[in-house]
Amino acid sequence: MTEQTLDACAQACASCMTACARCLEDCIGLPGMEACIRTCRDCKILCAACAPLCAANSPRAPAVCRACMDACEACVAACEGHPECEACAAACRACATACRAIAA
């Protein structure tokens, strides 16, 4: 893993964490958005764990990146098709791609 790859993943995780937090707040109280809310919550938590591990080049980064990638992919699936969730889905796609590079 290069420092550039790790930094890119840390930045993608931080951006995704913010997007998930916003999406979660926007979806609270909307009918039929329970899956979106749950996946955004899980994704936000994993991104919050993943970013500092990548930034520190931790030996645990690949394992956490795998979990974060899975959460991001689940979040994309839950958010796609909801106009209020477009930014979250885009951030999660980018984060999953960055995490995949570390998890491989």
N, C-alpha and C. Protein backbone atom coordinates (compact mmCIF):
# COMPACT_ATOMS: atom_id res chain seq x y z
N MET A 1 0.84 -1.19 0.00
CA MET A 1 0.00 0.00 0.00
C MET A 1 0.88 1.24 0.00
N THR A 2 0.57 2.13 -0.89
CA THR A 2 1.33 3.37 -0.93
C THR A 2 0.68 4.39 -0.01
N GLU A 3 1.48 5.36 0.38
CA GLU A 3 0.96 6.43 1.23
C GLU A 3 -0.15 7.18 0.51
N GLN A 4 -0.01 7.36 -0.79
CA GLN A 4 -1.03 8.06 -1.58
C GLN A 4 -2.35 7.28 -1.57
N THR A 5 -2.29 5.96 -1.70
CA THR A 5 -3.50 5.13 -1.67
C THR A 5 -4.17 5.19 -0.30
N LEU A 6 -3.35 5.12 0.74
CA LEU A 6 -3.89 5.20 2.10
C LEU A 6 -4.53 6.56 2.37
N ASP A 7 -3.86 7.63 1.94
CA ASP A 7 -4.41 8.98 2.14
C ASP A 7 -5.72 9.16 1.36
N ALA A 8 -5.75 8.65 0.14
CA ALA A 8 -6.97 8.76 -0.66
C ALA A 8 -8.12 8.02 0.02
N CYS A 9 -7.83 6.88 0.59
CA CYS A 9 -8.88 6.12 1.28
C CYS A 9 -9.34 6.86 2.54
N ALA A 10 -8.41 7.40 3.29
CA ALA A 10 -8.77 8.15 4.50
C ALA A 10 -9.67 9.34 4.14
N GLN A 11 -9.33 10.04 3.06
CA GLN A 11 -10.14 11.18 2.64
C GLN A 11 -11.51 10.75 2.14
N ALA A 12 -11.56 9.64 1.38
CA ALA A 12 -12.84 9.14 0.89
C ALA A 12 -13.73 8.71 2.05
N CYS A 13 -13.13 8.09 3.06
CA CYS A 13 -13.90 7.66 4.23
C CYS A 13 -14.45 8.86 5.00
N ALA A 14 -13.64 9.90 5.14
CA ALA A 14 -14.10 11.10 5.84
C ALA A 14 -15.25 11.77 5.09
N SER A 15 -15.14 11.85 3.78
CA SER A 15 -16.22 12.44 2.97
C SER A 15 -17.47 11.60 3.04
N CYS A 16 -17.30 10.29 2.99
CA CYS A 16 -18.44 9.38 3.04
C CYS A 16 -19.13 9.45 4.40
N MET A 17 -18.34 9.53 5.46
CA MET A 17 -18.91 9.63 6.80
C MET A 17 -19.82 10.86 6.90
N THR A 18 -19.36 11.97 6.36
CA THR A 18 -20.16 13.21 6.38
C THR A 18 -21.42 13.06 5.54
N ALA A 19 -21.28 12.49 4.35
CA ALA A 19 -22.44 12.30 3.48
C ALA A 19 -23.47 11.38 4.12
N CYS A 20 -23.00 10.32 4.77
CA CYS A 20 -23.92 9.39 5.43
C CYS A 20 -24.64 10.06 6.60
N ALA A 21 -23.91 10.87 7.35
CA ALA A 21 -24.54 11.58 8.47
C ALA A 21 -25.64 12.51 7.98
N ARG A 22 -25.37 13.22 6.89
CA ARG A 22 -26.38 14.13 6.32
C ARG A 22 -27.57 13.35 5.78
N CYS A 23 -27.29 12.27 5.08
CA CYS A 23 -28.36 11.46 4.50
C CYS A 23 -29.25 10.87 5.60
N LEU A 24 -28.60 10.36 6.62
CA LEU A 24 -29.34 9.77 7.74
C LEU A 24 -30.30 10.81 8.33
N GLU A 25 -29.80 12.00 8.57
CA GLU A 25 -30.64 13.06 9.13
C GLU A 25 -31.77 13.45 8.18
N ASP A 26 -31.47 13.51 6.89
CA ASP A 26 -32.49 13.89 5.91
C ASP A 26 -33.59 12.84 5.79
N CYS A 27 -33.25 11.59 6.06
CA CYS A 27 -34.21 10.50 5.86
C CYS A 27 -35.04 10.17 7.09
N ILE A 28 -34.61 10.65 8.25
CA ILE A 28 -35.38 10.38 9.47
C ILE A 28 -36.77 10.96 9.31
N GLY A 29 -37.75 10.13 9.55
CA GLY A 29 -39.14 10.56 9.47
C GLY A 29 -39.77 10.38 8.11
N LEU A 30 -38.97 10.07 7.10
CA LEU A 30 -39.56 9.82 5.78
C LEU A 30 -40.04 8.38 5.70
N PRO A 31 -41.23 8.17 5.17
CA PRO A 31 -41.75 6.80 5.09
C PRO A 31 -40.92 5.93 4.15
N GLY A 32 -40.70 4.70 4.56
CA GLY A 32 -40.00 3.72 3.73
C GLY A 32 -38.49 3.88 3.67
N MET A 33 -37.92 4.68 4.55
CA MET A 33 -36.48 4.93 4.51
C MET A 33 -35.71 4.24 5.62
N GLU A 34 -36.31 3.25 6.25
CA GLU A 34 -35.67 2.57 7.36
C GLU A 34 -34.36 1.90 6.96
N ALA A 35 -34.36 1.22 5.82
CA ALA A 35 -33.14 0.54 5.36
C ALA A 35 -32.04 1.56 5.07
N CYS A 36 -32.40 2.66 4.48
CA CYS A 36 -31.44 3.72 4.20
C CYS A 36 -30.84 4.24 5.50
N ILE A 37 -31.66 4.50 6.47
CA ILE A 37 -31.20 5.03 7.76
C ILE A 37 -30.24 4.05 8.42
N ARG A 38 -30.59 2.78 8.44
CA ARG A 38 -29.73 1.77 9.08
C ARG A 38 -28.40 1.63 8.36
N THR A 39 -28.44 1.56 7.03
CA THR A 39 -27.19 1.38 6.30
C THR A 39 -26.32 2.63 6.39
N CYS A 40 -26.92 3.81 6.37
CA CYS A 40 -26.14 5.04 6.54
C CYS A 40 -25.48 5.06 7.92
N ARG A 41 -26.19 4.65 8.93
CA ARG A 41 -25.62 4.61 10.29
C ARG A 41 -24.41 3.68 10.33
N ASP A 42 -24.58 2.47 9.81
CA ASP A 42 -23.49 1.50 9.83
C ASP A 42 -22.30 1.98 9.02
N CYS A 43 -22.56 2.54 7.86
CA CYS A 43 -21.51 3.03 6.99
C CYS A 43 -20.76 4.18 7.65
N LYS A 44 -21.48 5.07 8.27
CA LYS A 44 -20.86 6.22 8.96
C LYS A 44 -19.92 5.73 10.07
N ILE A 45 -20.35 4.73 10.82
CA ILE A 45 -19.54 4.19 11.91
C ILE A 45 -18.26 3.54 11.37
N LEU A 46 -18.40 2.74 10.32
CA LEU A 46 -17.23 2.08 9.75
C LEU A 46 -16.28 3.06 9.09
N CYS A 47 -16.80 4.07 8.42
CA CYS A 47 -15.93 5.10 7.83
C CYS A 47 -15.16 5.84 8.92
N ALA A 48 -15.82 6.09 10.04
CA ALA A 48 -15.16 6.78 11.15
C ALA A 48 -14.03 5.94 11.73
N ALA A 49 -14.14 4.63 11.66
CA ALA A 49 -13.06 3.75 12.13
C ALA A 49 -11.97 3.61 11.08
N CYS A 50 -12.36 3.56 9.84
CA CYS A 50 -11.44 3.28 8.75
C CYS A 50 -10.49 4.45 8.46
N ALA A 51 -10.99 5.65 8.44
CA ALA A 51 -10.18 6.81 8.06
C ALA A 51 -8.91 6.95 8.89
N PRO A 52 -8.98 6.92 10.21
CA PRO A 52 -7.73 7.08 10.98
C PRO A 52 -6.79 5.89 10.86
N LEU A 53 -7.34 4.69 10.65
CA LEU A 53 -6.47 3.53 10.47
C LEU A 53 -5.68 3.63 9.17
N CYS A 54 -6.33 4.11 8.13
CA CYS A 54 -5.62 4.32 6.86
C CYS A 54 -4.60 5.43 7.00
N ALA A 55 -4.97 6.51 7.65
CA ALA A 55 -4.06 7.63 7.82
C ALA A 55 -2.82 7.22 8.60
N ALA A 56 -2.97 6.27 9.52
CA ALA A 56 -1.86 5.81 10.34
C ALA A 56 -1.12 4.60 9.73
N ASN A 57 -1.55 4.17 8.55
CA ASN A 57 -0.98 2.98 7.91
C ASN A 57 -1.00 1.78 8.87
N SER A 58 -2.11 1.61 9.53
CA SER A 58 -2.27 0.53 10.50
C SER A 58 -2.31 -0.83 9.79
N PRO A 59 -1.75 -1.85 10.40
CA PRO A 59 -1.85 -3.19 9.83
C PRO A 59 -3.30 -3.70 9.83
N ARG A 60 -4.17 -3.06 10.58
CA ARG A 60 -5.58 -3.45 10.63
C ARG A 60 -6.42 -2.76 9.55
N ALA A 61 -5.81 -1.82 8.84
CA ALA A 61 -6.54 -1.07 7.82
C ALA A 61 -7.18 -1.98 6.76
N PRO A 62 -6.48 -2.98 6.22
CA PRO A 62 -7.12 -3.81 5.20
C PRO A 62 -8.40 -4.52 5.68
N ALA A 63 -8.38 -5.03 6.89
CA ALA A 63 -9.57 -5.72 7.42
C ALA A 63 -10.73 -4.75 7.62
N VAL A 64 -10.44 -3.58 8.16
CA VAL A 64 -11.50 -2.60 8.37
C VAL A 64 -11.97 -2.04 7.03
N CYS A 65 -11.06 -1.89 6.08
CA CYS A 65 -11.45 -1.45 4.74
C CYS A 65 -12.40 -2.44 4.07
N ARG A 66 -12.19 -3.73 4.29
CA ARG A 66 -13.13 -4.72 3.73
C ARG A 66 -14.53 -4.52 4.30
N ALA A 67 -14.61 -4.34 5.61
CA ALA A 67 -15.92 -4.12 6.25
C ALA A 67 -16.53 -2.80 5.78
N CYS A 68 -15.70 -1.77 5.67
CA CYS A 68 -16.19 -0.47 5.23
C CYS A 68 -16.69 -0.55 3.78
N MET A 69 -15.95 -1.25 2.93
CA MET A 69 -16.35 -1.43 1.54
C MET A 69 -17.72 -2.12 1.46
N ASP A 70 -17.91 -3.16 2.25
CA ASP A 70 -19.20 -3.86 2.27
C ASP A 70 -20.32 -2.94 2.72
N ALA A 71 -20.05 -2.15 3.76
CA ALA A 71 -21.08 -1.22 4.27
C ALA A 71 -21.39 -0.15 3.23
N CYS A 72 -20.37 0.33 2.54
CA CYS A 72 -20.58 1.35 1.51
C CYS A 72 -21.41 0.79 0.36
N GLU A 73 -21.11 -0.44 -0.05
CA GLU A 73 -21.89 -1.05 -1.14
C GLU A 73 -23.34 -1.27 -0.73
N ALA A 74 -23.56 -1.65 0.52
CA ALA A 74 -24.94 -1.80 1.02
C ALA A 74 -25.65 -0.45 1.06
N CYS A 75 -24.91 0.58 1.42
CA CYS A 75 -25.50 1.91 1.49
C CYS A 75 -25.87 2.42 0.10
N VAL A 76 -25.02 2.16 -0.88
CA VAL A 76 -25.35 2.54 -2.26
C VAL A 76 -26.65 1.86 -2.68
N ALA A 77 -26.75 0.57 -2.39
CA ALA A 77 -27.95 -0.18 -2.77
C ALA A 77 -29.20 0.39 -2.10
N ALA A 78 -29.07 0.80 -0.84
CA ALA A 78 -30.23 1.35 -0.12
C ALA A 78 -30.57 2.76 -0.57
N CYS A 79 -29.56 3.54 -0.96
CA CYS A 79 -29.77 4.95 -1.29
C CYS A 79 -30.13 5.19 -2.76
N GLU A 80 -29.70 4.32 -3.65
CA GLU A 80 -29.98 4.52 -5.07
C GLU A 80 -31.48 4.62 -5.31
N GLY A 81 -31.84 5.55 -6.16
CA GLY A 81 -33.24 5.72 -6.51
C GLY A 81 -33.98 6.70 -5.63
N HIS A 82 -33.33 7.19 -4.58
CA HIS A 82 -33.94 8.20 -3.72
C HIS A 82 -33.24 9.53 -3.99
N PRO A 83 -33.95 10.52 -4.53
CA PRO A 83 -33.31 11.80 -4.88
C PRO A 83 -32.58 12.46 -3.71
N GLU A 84 -33.12 12.32 -2.51
CA GLU A 84 -32.51 12.96 -1.34
C GLU A 84 -31.22 12.25 -0.92
N CYS A 85 -30.93 11.10 -1.51
CA CYS A 85 -29.78 10.30 -1.12
C CYS A 85 -28.68 10.25 -2.18
N GLU A 86 -28.81 11.05 -3.24
CA GLU A 86 -27.84 10.98 -4.34
C GLU A 86 -26.42 11.27 -3.91
N ALA A 87 -26.22 12.29 -3.09
CA ALA A 87 -24.87 12.64 -2.65
C ALA A 87 -24.27 11.53 -1.80
N CYS A 88 -25.09 10.90 -0.99
CA CYS A 88 -24.62 9.80 -0.15
C CYS A 88 -24.22 8.62 -1.01
N ALA A 89 -25.03 8.26 -1.97
CA ALA A 89 -24.71 7.13 -2.85
C ALA A 89 -23.41 7.38 -3.60
N ALA A 90 -23.19 8.60 -4.07
CA ALA A 90 -21.96 8.93 -4.79
C ALA A 90 -20.75 8.84 -3.87
N ALA A 91 -20.86 9.35 -2.66
CA ALA A 91 -19.75 9.29 -1.71
C ALA A 91 -19.45 7.85 -1.31
N CYS A 92 -20.50 7.05 -1.15
CA CYS A 92 -20.31 5.65 -0.80
C CYS A 92 -19.65 4.86 -1.94
N ARG A 93 -20.02 5.17 -3.17
CA ARG A 93 -19.37 4.52 -4.33
C ARG A 93 -17.88 4.82 -4.34
N ALA A 94 -17.54 6.09 -4.16
CA ALA A 94 -16.14 6.50 -4.16
C ALA A 94 -15.37 5.87 -2.99
N CYS A 95 -16.00 5.80 -1.85
CA CYS A 95 -15.36 5.21 -0.68
C CYS A 95 -15.15 3.71 -0.87
N ALA A 96 -16.13 3.03 -1.41
CA ALA A 96 -15.99 1.58 -1.67
C ALA A 96 -14.83 1.32 -2.61
N THR A 97 -14.69 2.15 -3.63
CA THR A 97 -13.58 2.00 -4.58
C THR A 97 -12.24 2.20 -3.87
N ALA A 98 -12.15 3.24 -3.05
CA ALA A 98 -10.90 3.52 -2.31
C ALA A 98 -10.59 2.41 -1.32
N CYS A 99 -11.59 1.90 -0.63
CA CYS A 99 -11.40 0.82 0.33
C CYS A 99 -10.97 -0.48 -0.36
N ARG A 100 -11.53 -0.71 -1.54
CA ARG A 100 -11.18 -1.92 -2.31
C ARG A 100 -9.68 -1.94 -2.61
N ALA A 101 -9.10 -0.79 -2.88
CA ALA A 101 -7.67 -0.72 -3.18
C ALA A 101 -6.81 -1.10 -1.97
N ILE A 102 -7.31 -0.86 -0.77
CA ILE A 102 -6.58 -1.19 0.46
C ILE A 102 -6.87 -2.64 0.88
N ALA A 103 -8.12 -3.06 0.71
CA ALA A 103 -8.53 -4.39 1.16
C ALA A 103 -7.97 -5.51 0.30
N ALA A 104 -7.57 -5.19 -0.92
CA ALA A 104 -7.11 -6.23 -1.86
C ALA A 104 -5.83 -6.88 -1.40
